[in-house]
């Protein structure tokens, strides 16, 4: 009896034990890697969605209060599928900034020009550009759609080219996808805004 105890494990038992241990460790490691990757994807998607929501909200607030420029130009200067230019007062002074939202290289960017000089003018090289939303996947979908004064909620958008003076409502639509190869589907953010100073009823 004491001899059997002293003998310990056979070589086969040691190999089987090591094999089971390696399998268990491998399984646990794979599970942890999978969980970490999924957690990373979820957090990246949440960050992308939060950034997109803020961009849409800022755009809505700014465009809603669009007004003639500080030199008398029409409130809406350009109405393209991937770019819009309008004038609004972004700060506490009396001058109206030229604001340009545009889609480029999977990002939504915002360019701002403050009028300067005497007489006042909007100097294009002085435009300050910032990125307001990343991971935008609107390659074939327009970021901006435009509606005229007949829009009641279900009408189709105006067809391009759109005359800026005909626009009363603008829709922004962002398709956000942090990584198309691993994320389940693009996250869509949509908002429609009526330009107050252009209302006719």
C-alpha atoms as a PDB file:
ATOM      1  CA  UNK A   1       0.000   0.000   0.000  1.00  0.00           C
ATOM      2  CA  UNK A   2       2.757   2.441   0.962  1.00  0.00           C
ATOM      3  CA  UNK A   3       4.690   1.453  -2.174  1.00  0.00           C
ATOM      4  CA  UNK A   4       1.711   2.389  -4.395  1.00  0.00           C
ATOM      5  CA  UNK A   5       1.456   5.764  -2.719  1.00  0.00           C
ATOM      6  CA  UNK A   6       5.131   6.443  -3.212  1.00  0.00           C
ATOM      7  CA  UNK A   7       4.945   5.419  -6.869  1.00  0.00           C
ATOM      8  CA  UNK A   8       2.803   8.528  -7.706  1.00  0.00           C
ATOM      9  CA  UNK A   9       1.381   9.158 -11.180  1.00  0.00           C
ATOM     10  CA  UNK A  10       2.329   7.152 -14.219  1.00  0.00           C
ATOM     11  CA  UNK A  11       3.741   8.888 -17.287  1.00  0.00           C
ATOM     12  CA  UNK A  12       0.428   8.395 -19.124  1.00  0.00           C
ATOM     13  CA  UNK A  13      -1.535   9.996 -16.279  1.00  0.00           C
ATOM     14  CA  UNK A  14       0.829  13.001 -16.271  1.00  0.00           C
ATOM     15  CA  UNK A  15       0.456  13.463 -20.051  1.00  0.00           C
ATOM     16  CA  UNK A  16      -3.360  13.218 -19.837  1.00  0.00           C
ATOM     17  CA  UNK A  17      -3.434  15.707 -16.951  1.00  0.00           C
ATOM     18  CA  UNK A  18      -1.223  18.170 -18.822  1.00  0.00           C
ATOM     19  CA  UNK A  19      -3.383  17.746 -21.931  1.00  0.00           C
ATOM     20  CA  UNK A  20      -6.578  18.495 -19.986  1.00  0.00           C
ATOM     21  CA  UNK A  21      -4.931  21.480 -18.296  1.00  0.00           C
ATOM     22  CA  UNK A  22      -3.778  22.881 -21.671  1.00  0.00           C
ATOM     23  CA  UNK A  23      -7.266  22.440 -23.138  1.00  0.00           C
ATOM     24  CA  UNK A  24      -8.884  24.212 -20.180  1.00  0.00           C
ATOM     25  CA  UNK A  25      -6.372  27.089 -20.268  1.00  0.00           C
ATOM     26  CA  UNK A  26      -6.766  27.385 -24.041  1.00  0.00           C
ATOM     27  CA  UNK A  27     -10.554  27.495 -23.743  1.00  0.00           C
ATOM     28  CA  UNK A  28     -10.472  30.096 -20.988  1.00  0.00           C
ATOM     29  CA  UNK A  29      -7.954  32.216 -22.941  1.00  0.00           C
ATOM     30  CA  UNK A  30     -10.055  32.051 -26.115  1.00  0.00           C
ATOM     31  CA  UNK A  31     -13.160  33.003 -24.133  1.00  0.00           C
ATOM     32  CA  UNK A  32     -11.381  35.980 -22.545  1.00  0.00           C
ATOM     33  CA  UNK A  33     -10.035  37.171 -25.928  1.00  0.00           C
ATOM     34  CA  UNK A  34     -13.513  36.854 -27.484  1.00  0.00           C
ATOM     35  CA  UNK A  35     -15.113  38.739 -24.579  1.00  0.00           C
ATOM     36  CA  UNK A  36     -12.455  41.465 -24.705  1.00  0.00           C
ATOM     37  CA  UNK A  37     -12.895  41.947 -28.464  1.00  0.00           C
ATOM     38  CA  UNK A  38     -16.687  42.098 -28.166  1.00  0.00           C
ATOM     39  CA  UNK A  39     -16.436  44.544 -25.289  1.00  0.00           C
ATOM     40  CA  UNK A  40     -14.055  46.730 -27.321  1.00  0.00           C
ATOM     41  CA  UNK A  41     -16.423  46.663 -30.320  1.00  0.00           C
ATOM     42  CA  UNK A  42     -19.409  47.613 -28.150  1.00  0.00           C
ATOM     43  CA  UNK A  43     -17.581  50.549 -26.556  1.00  0.00           C
ATOM     44  CA  UNK A  44     -16.317  51.784 -29.929  1.00  0.00           C
ATOM     45  CA  UNK A  45     -19.828  51.590 -31.373  1.00  0.00           C
ATOM     46  CA  UNK A  46     -21.288  53.454 -28.395  1.00  0.00           C
ATOM     47  CA  UNK A  47     -18.642  56.157 -28.752  1.00  0.00           C
ATOM     48  CA  UNK A  48     -19.333  56.470 -32.488  1.00  0.00           C
ATOM     49  CA  UNK A  49     -23.092  56.665 -31.890  1.00  0.00           C
ATOM     50  CA  UNK A  50     -22.694  59.299 -29.175  1.00  0.00           C
ATOM     51  CA  UNK A  51     -20.474  61.409 -31.434  1.00  0.00           C
ATOM     52  CA  UNK A  52     -22.975  61.064 -34.297  1.00  0.00           C
ATOM     53  CA  UNK A  53     -25.927  62.068 -32.108  1.00  0.00           C
ATOM     54  CA  UNK A  54     -24.098  65.171 -30.897  1.00  0.00           C
ATOM     55  CA  UNK A  55     -23.166  66.153 -34.454  1.00  0.00           C
ATOM     56  CA  UNK A  56     -26.785  65.798 -35.616  1.00  0.00           C
ATOM     57  CA  UNK A  57     -28.057  67.773 -32.625  1.00  0.00           C
ATOM     58  CA  UNK A  58     -25.550  70.601 -33.117  1.00  0.00           C
ATOM     59  CA  UNK A  59     -26.369  70.736 -36.825  1.00  0.00           C
ATOM     60  CA  UNK A  60     -30.098  70.889 -36.075  1.00  0.00           C
ATOM     61  CA  UNK A  61     -29.705  73.692 -33.542  1.00  0.00           C
ATOM     62  CA  UNK A  62     -27.464  75.762 -35.806  1.00  0.00           C
ATOM     63  CA  UNK A  63     -29.478  75.361 -39.009  1.00  0.00           C
ATOM     64  CA  UNK A  64     -32.794  76.017 -37.270  1.00  0.00           C
ATOM     65  CA  UNK A  65     -31.630  79.561 -36.488  1.00  0.00           C
ATOM     66  CA  UNK A  66     -30.049  80.229 -39.921  1.00  0.00           C
ATOM     67  CA  UNK A  67     -30.357  83.880 -40.900  1.00  0.00           C
ATOM     68  CA  UNK A  68     -29.070  86.223 -43.631  1.00  0.00           C
ATOM     69  CA  UNK A  69     -25.312  86.688 -43.506  1.00  0.00           C
ATOM     70  CA  UNK A  70     -23.639  89.764 -42.059  1.00  0.00           C
ATOM     71  CA  UNK A  71     -23.317  91.100 -45.606  1.00  0.00           C
ATOM     72  CA  UNK A  72     -26.913  90.310 -46.590  1.00  0.00           C
ATOM     73  CA  UNK A  73     -26.539  86.939 -48.351  1.00  0.00           C
ATOM     74  CA  UNK A  74     -29.426  84.459 -48.303  1.00  0.00           C
ATOM     75  CA  UNK A  75     -29.460  82.235 -45.142  1.00  0.00           C
ATOM     76  CA  UNK A  76     -28.834  79.050 -47.139  1.00  0.00           C
ATOM     77  CA  UNK A  77     -25.913  79.309 -49.555  1.00  0.00           C
ATOM     78  CA  UNK A  78     -25.563  75.726 -50.827  1.00  0.00           C
ATOM     79  CA  UNK A  79     -27.720  72.580 -50.736  1.00  0.00           C
ATOM     80  CA  UNK A  80     -25.831  69.521 -51.975  1.00  0.00           C
ATOM     81  CA  UNK A  81     -26.239  65.825 -51.023  1.00  0.00           C
ATOM     82  CA  UNK A  82     -22.933  65.718 -49.102  1.00  0.00           C
ATOM     83  CA  UNK A  83     -22.463  69.411 -48.281  1.00  0.00           C
ATOM     84  CA  UNK A  84     -24.536  72.275 -46.948  1.00  0.00           C
ATOM     85  CA  UNK A  85     -23.560  75.909 -46.351  1.00  0.00           C
ATOM     86  CA  UNK A  86     -25.595  78.361 -44.304  1.00  0.00           C
ATOM     87  CA  UNK A  87     -25.214  81.438 -42.117  1.00  0.00           C
ATOM     88  CA  UNK A  88     -25.955  81.566 -38.409  1.00  0.00           C
ATOM     89  CA  UNK A  89     -24.704  83.241 -35.250  1.00  0.00           C
ATOM     90  CA  UNK A  90     -22.615  80.697 -33.346  1.00  0.00           C
ATOM     91  CA  UNK A  91     -21.416  82.991 -30.564  1.00  0.00           C
ATOM     92  CA  UNK A  92     -22.478  85.962 -28.471  1.00  0.00           C
ATOM     93  CA  UNK A  93     -21.554  88.748 -30.895  1.00  0.00           C
ATOM     94  CA  UNK A  94     -23.789  90.195 -33.628  1.00  0.00           C
ATOM     95  CA  UNK A  95     -21.871  88.694 -36.571  1.00  0.00           C
ATOM     96  CA  UNK A  96     -23.199  85.651 -38.422  1.00  0.00           C
ATOM     97  CA  UNK A  97     -20.712  82.919 -39.242  1.00  0.00           C
ATOM     98  CA  UNK A  98     -20.622  80.992 -42.524  1.00  0.00           C
ATOM     99  CA  UNK A  99     -21.072  77.343 -41.540  1.00  0.00           C
ATOM    100  CA  UNK A 100     -20.273  74.461 -43.855  1.00  0.00           C
ATOM    101  CA  UNK A 101     -21.018  70.822 -43.021  1.00  0.00           C
ATOM    102  CA  UNK A 102     -19.529  68.322 -45.451  1.00  0.00           C
ATOM    103  CA  UNK A 103     -18.792  64.626 -45.768  1.00  0.00           C
ATOM    104  CA  UNK A 104     -15.227  63.618 -46.686  1.00  0.00           C
ATOM    105  CA  UNK A 105     -13.193  60.450 -46.158  1.00  0.00           C
ATOM    106  CA  UNK A 106     -15.650  58.719 -43.778  1.00  0.00           C
ATOM    107  CA  UNK A 107     -15.942  61.818 -41.593  1.00  0.00           C
ATOM    108  CA  UNK A 108     -18.479  64.599 -41.217  1.00  0.00           C
ATOM    109  CA  UNK A 109     -16.627  67.895 -40.969  1.00  0.00           C
ATOM    110  CA  UNK A 110     -17.646  71.412 -40.067  1.00  0.00           C
ATOM    111  CA  UNK A 111     -16.042  74.532 -41.476  1.00  0.00           C
ATOM    112  CA  UNK A 112     -16.641  77.966 -39.947  1.00  0.00           C
ATOM    113  CA  UNK A 113     -15.729  81.358 -41.370  1.00  0.00           C
ATOM    114  CA  UNK A 114     -16.182  84.485 -39.289  1.00  0.00           C
ATOM    115  CA  UNK A 115     -16.694  87.679 -41.322  1.00  0.00           C
ATOM    116  CA  UNK A 116     -13.896  90.219 -41.075  1.00  0.00           C
ATOM    117  CA  UNK A 117     -12.566  93.422 -42.583  1.00  0.00           C
ATOM    118  CA  UNK A 118     -14.158  96.715 -43.553  1.00  0.00           C
ATOM    119  CA  UNK A 119     -16.318  96.187 -45.433  1.00  0.00           C
ATOM    120  CA  UNK A 120     -17.074  92.754 -43.986  1.00  0.00           C
ATOM    121  CA  UNK A 121     -16.346  89.676 -46.083  1.00  0.00           C
ATOM    122  CA  UNK A 122     -16.100  85.908 -45.634  1.00  0.00           C
ATOM    123  CA  UNK A 123     -12.525  84.933 -46.480  1.00  0.00           C
ATOM    124  CA  UNK A 124     -12.551  81.283 -47.585  1.00  0.00           C
ATOM    125  CA  UNK A 125      -8.881  80.514 -46.707  1.00  0.00           C
ATOM    126  CA  UNK A 126      -9.686  81.508 -43.108  1.00  0.00           C
ATOM    127  CA  UNK A 127     -12.183  78.658 -42.718  1.00  0.00           C
ATOM    128  CA  UNK A 128     -11.618  76.687 -39.508  1.00  0.00           C
ATOM    129  CA  UNK A 129     -12.407  73.011 -40.062  1.00  0.00           C
ATOM    130  CA  UNK A 130     -13.139  70.473 -37.347  1.00  0.00           C
ATOM    131  CA  UNK A 131     -14.240  66.829 -37.427  1.00  0.00           C
ATOM    132  CA  UNK A 132     -17.668  66.416 -35.838  1.00  0.00           C
ATOM    133  CA  UNK A 133     -18.351  62.717 -36.571  1.00  0.00           C
ATOM    134  CA  UNK A 134     -16.096  59.821 -37.509  1.00  0.00           C
ATOM    135  CA  UNK A 135     -16.846  56.424 -39.037  1.00  0.00           C
ATOM    136  CA  UNK A 136     -19.557  57.823 -41.313  1.00  0.00           C
ATOM    137  CA  UNK A 137     -20.489  55.240 -43.956  1.00  0.00           C
ATOM    138  CA  UNK A 138     -22.669  57.400 -46.259  1.00  0.00           C
ATOM    139  CA  UNK A 139     -20.811  56.444 -49.418  1.00  0.00           C
ATOM    140  CA  UNK A 140     -23.972  56.112 -51.534  1.00  0.00           C
ATOM    141  CA  UNK A 141     -26.549  57.648 -49.186  1.00  0.00           C
ATOM    142  CA  UNK A 142     -26.919  61.444 -49.125  1.00  0.00           C
ATOM    143  CA  UNK A 143     -26.016  63.017 -45.798  1.00  0.00           C
ATOM    144  CA  UNK A 144     -28.386  65.906 -46.503  1.00  0.00           C
ATOM    145  CA  UNK A 145     -31.839  65.843 -48.125  1.00  0.00           C
ATOM    146  CA  UNK A 146     -33.967  68.902 -48.815  1.00  0.00           C
ATOM    147  CA  UNK A 147     -37.709  69.645 -48.784  1.00  0.00           C
ATOM    148  CA  UNK A 148     -39.717  72.667 -49.868  1.00  0.00           C
ATOM    149  CA  UNK A 149     -42.647  74.466 -48.205  1.00  0.00           C
ATOM    150  CA  UNK A 150     -45.107  71.711 -49.206  1.00  0.00           C
ATOM    151  CA  UNK A 151     -43.392  69.172 -46.942  1.00  0.00           C
ATOM    152  CA  UNK A 152     -45.867  67.657 -44.469  1.00  0.00           C
ATOM    153  CA  UNK A 153     -43.880  64.653 -43.304  1.00  0.00           C
ATOM    154  CA  UNK A 154     -44.030  61.973 -45.995  1.00  0.00           C
ATOM    155  CA  UNK A 155     -43.062  63.699 -49.244  1.00  0.00           C
ATOM    156  CA  UNK A 156     -39.964  62.735 -51.209  1.00  0.00           C
ATOM    157  CA  UNK A 157     -36.958  65.073 -51.025  1.00  0.00           C
ATOM    158  CA  UNK A 158     -36.231  67.596 -53.751  1.00  0.00           C
ATOM    159  CA  UNK A 159     -34.153  66.273 -56.627  1.00  0.00           C
ATOM    160  CA  UNK A 160     -30.719  67.670 -57.347  1.00  0.00           C
ATOM    161  CA  UNK A 161     -29.775  70.267 -58.315  1.00  0.00           C
ATOM    162  CA  UNK A 162     -31.653  71.934 -55.453  1.00  0.00           C
ATOM    163  CA  UNK A 163     -32.253  75.669 -55.433  1.00  0.00           C
ATOM    164  CA  UNK A 164     -31.305  76.970 -51.993  1.00  0.00           C
ATOM    165  CA  UNK A 165     -34.188  79.446 -52.051  1.00  0.00           C
ATOM    166  CA  UNK A 166     -36.715  76.591 -52.364  1.00  0.00           C
ATOM    167  CA  UNK A 167     -35.532  74.774 -49.227  1.00  0.00           C
ATOM    168  CA  UNK A 168     -37.542  75.000 -46.007  1.00  0.00           C
ATOM    169  CA  UNK A 169     -36.698  71.691 -44.301  1.00  0.00           C
ATOM    170  CA  UNK A 170     -33.394  69.809 -44.245  1.00  0.00           C
ATOM    171  CA  UNK A 171     -32.792  66.219 -43.199  1.00  0.00           C
ATOM    172  CA  UNK A 172     -29.453  64.959 -41.962  1.00  0.00           C
ATOM    173  CA  UNK A 173     -28.876  61.212 -42.106  1.00  0.00           C
ATOM    174  CA  UNK A 174     -25.724  59.594 -40.790  1.00  0.00           C
ATOM    175  CA  UNK A 175     -24.873  55.923 -41.232  1.00  0.00           C
ATOM    176  CA  UNK A 176     -22.270  55.120 -38.603  1.00  0.00           C
ATOM    177  CA  UNK A 177     -20.114  52.008 -38.684  1.00  0.00           C
ATOM    178  CA  UNK A 178     -16.883  51.851 -36.696  1.00  0.00           C
ATOM    179  CA  UNK A 179     -15.581  48.738 -38.467  1.00  0.00           C
ATOM    180  CA  UNK A 180     -17.602  47.272 -41.377  1.00  0.00           C
ATOM    181  CA  UNK A 181     -15.767  43.922 -41.153  1.00  0.00           C
ATOM    182  CA  UNK A 182     -16.843  43.165 -37.568  1.00  0.00           C
ATOM    183  CA  UNK A 183     -19.757  45.420 -36.607  1.00  0.00           C
ATOM    184  CA  UNK A 184     -23.223  43.877 -37.140  1.00  0.00           C
ATOM    185  CA  UNK A 185     -24.830  46.733 -39.126  1.00  0.00           C
ATOM    186  CA  UNK A 186     -24.556  50.504 -39.574  1.00  0.00           C
ATOM    187  CA  UNK A 187     -26.251  52.643 -36.929  1.00  0.00           C
ATOM    188  CA  UNK A 188     -28.532  55.270 -38.466  1.00  0.00           C
ATOM    189  CA  UNK A 189     -29.131  58.739 -37.048  1.00  0.00           C
ATOM    190  CA  UNK A 190     -31.744  60.932 -38.719  1.00  0.00           C
ATOM    191  CA  UNK A 191     -33.080  64.384 -37.923  1.00  0.00           C
ATOM    192  CA  UNK A 192     -35.190  66.899 -39.821  1.00  0.00           C
ATOM    193  CA  UNK A 193     -35.000  70.609 -39.137  1.00  0.00           C
ATOM    194  CA  UNK A 194     -37.200  73.460 -40.294  1.00  0.00           C
ATOM    195  CA  UNK A 195     -35.380  76.740 -40.888  1.00  0.00           C
ATOM    196  CA  UNK A 196     -37.332  79.209 -38.749  1.00  0.00           C
ATOM    197  CA  UNK A 197     -36.466  82.370 -40.654  1.00  0.00           C
ATOM    198  CA  UNK A 198     -37.656  80.835 -43.922  1.00  0.00           C
ATOM    199  CA  UNK A 199     -41.100  79.798 -42.717  1.00  0.00           C
ATOM    200  CA  UNK A 200     -43.916  81.105 -44.902  1.00  0.00           C
ATOM    201  CA  UNK A 201     -46.893  80.036 -42.768  1.00  0.00           C
END
